[in-house]
Amino acid sequence: MYRMVKGKINPEEITALVRGKESGACITFIGTVRDKSRGREVRYLEYDAYDSMAEREMESIGNEIRKRWKVSNVAIVHRRGKCEIGEVAIVIAISAEHREDAFKGCWFAIERIKREVPIWKKEYYADGEAWIGSKA
């Protein structure tokens, strides 16, 4: 599952999608909206994306993870639209027979998503706003 979604993300539901009896490990990365960024207090943020391209890129990352490590299942769900402080912005869930493959795949996924997937973040502060590049 590789999706951009407007509503809240339930990490437990995404994790359940990848778990299976063949998996000895399931790693779930939950990225949340923090209240400070670059020395400024963040009030909330918005994600914008080219959805179909973002989903294709996330799927490509999932396929590359399967080639590099012995993983069973991969799911990546990213939020779009307005996100309040503390809300879940992204969930990456990976299951594998052994934990090392699941951990490595999860780390690889978030780093690649930050660098390559066309998702943009706009941070809102008490005194203004700023678009943040995809490498943030």
Foldseek 3Di string as FASTA:
>chain_A
DFFEEADADDQVVQQVVFDDPLFPDKDKDWDFAAQDDPRAGFFWKFKDAPTVQLSVQLVVLQVVLVVPAAWRDWYKYAYGTIHGGGTTGIMIMTTGNDDVSRVVSVVSSVQCQLVPGGMWMKTQGPVGIDIDHSVD
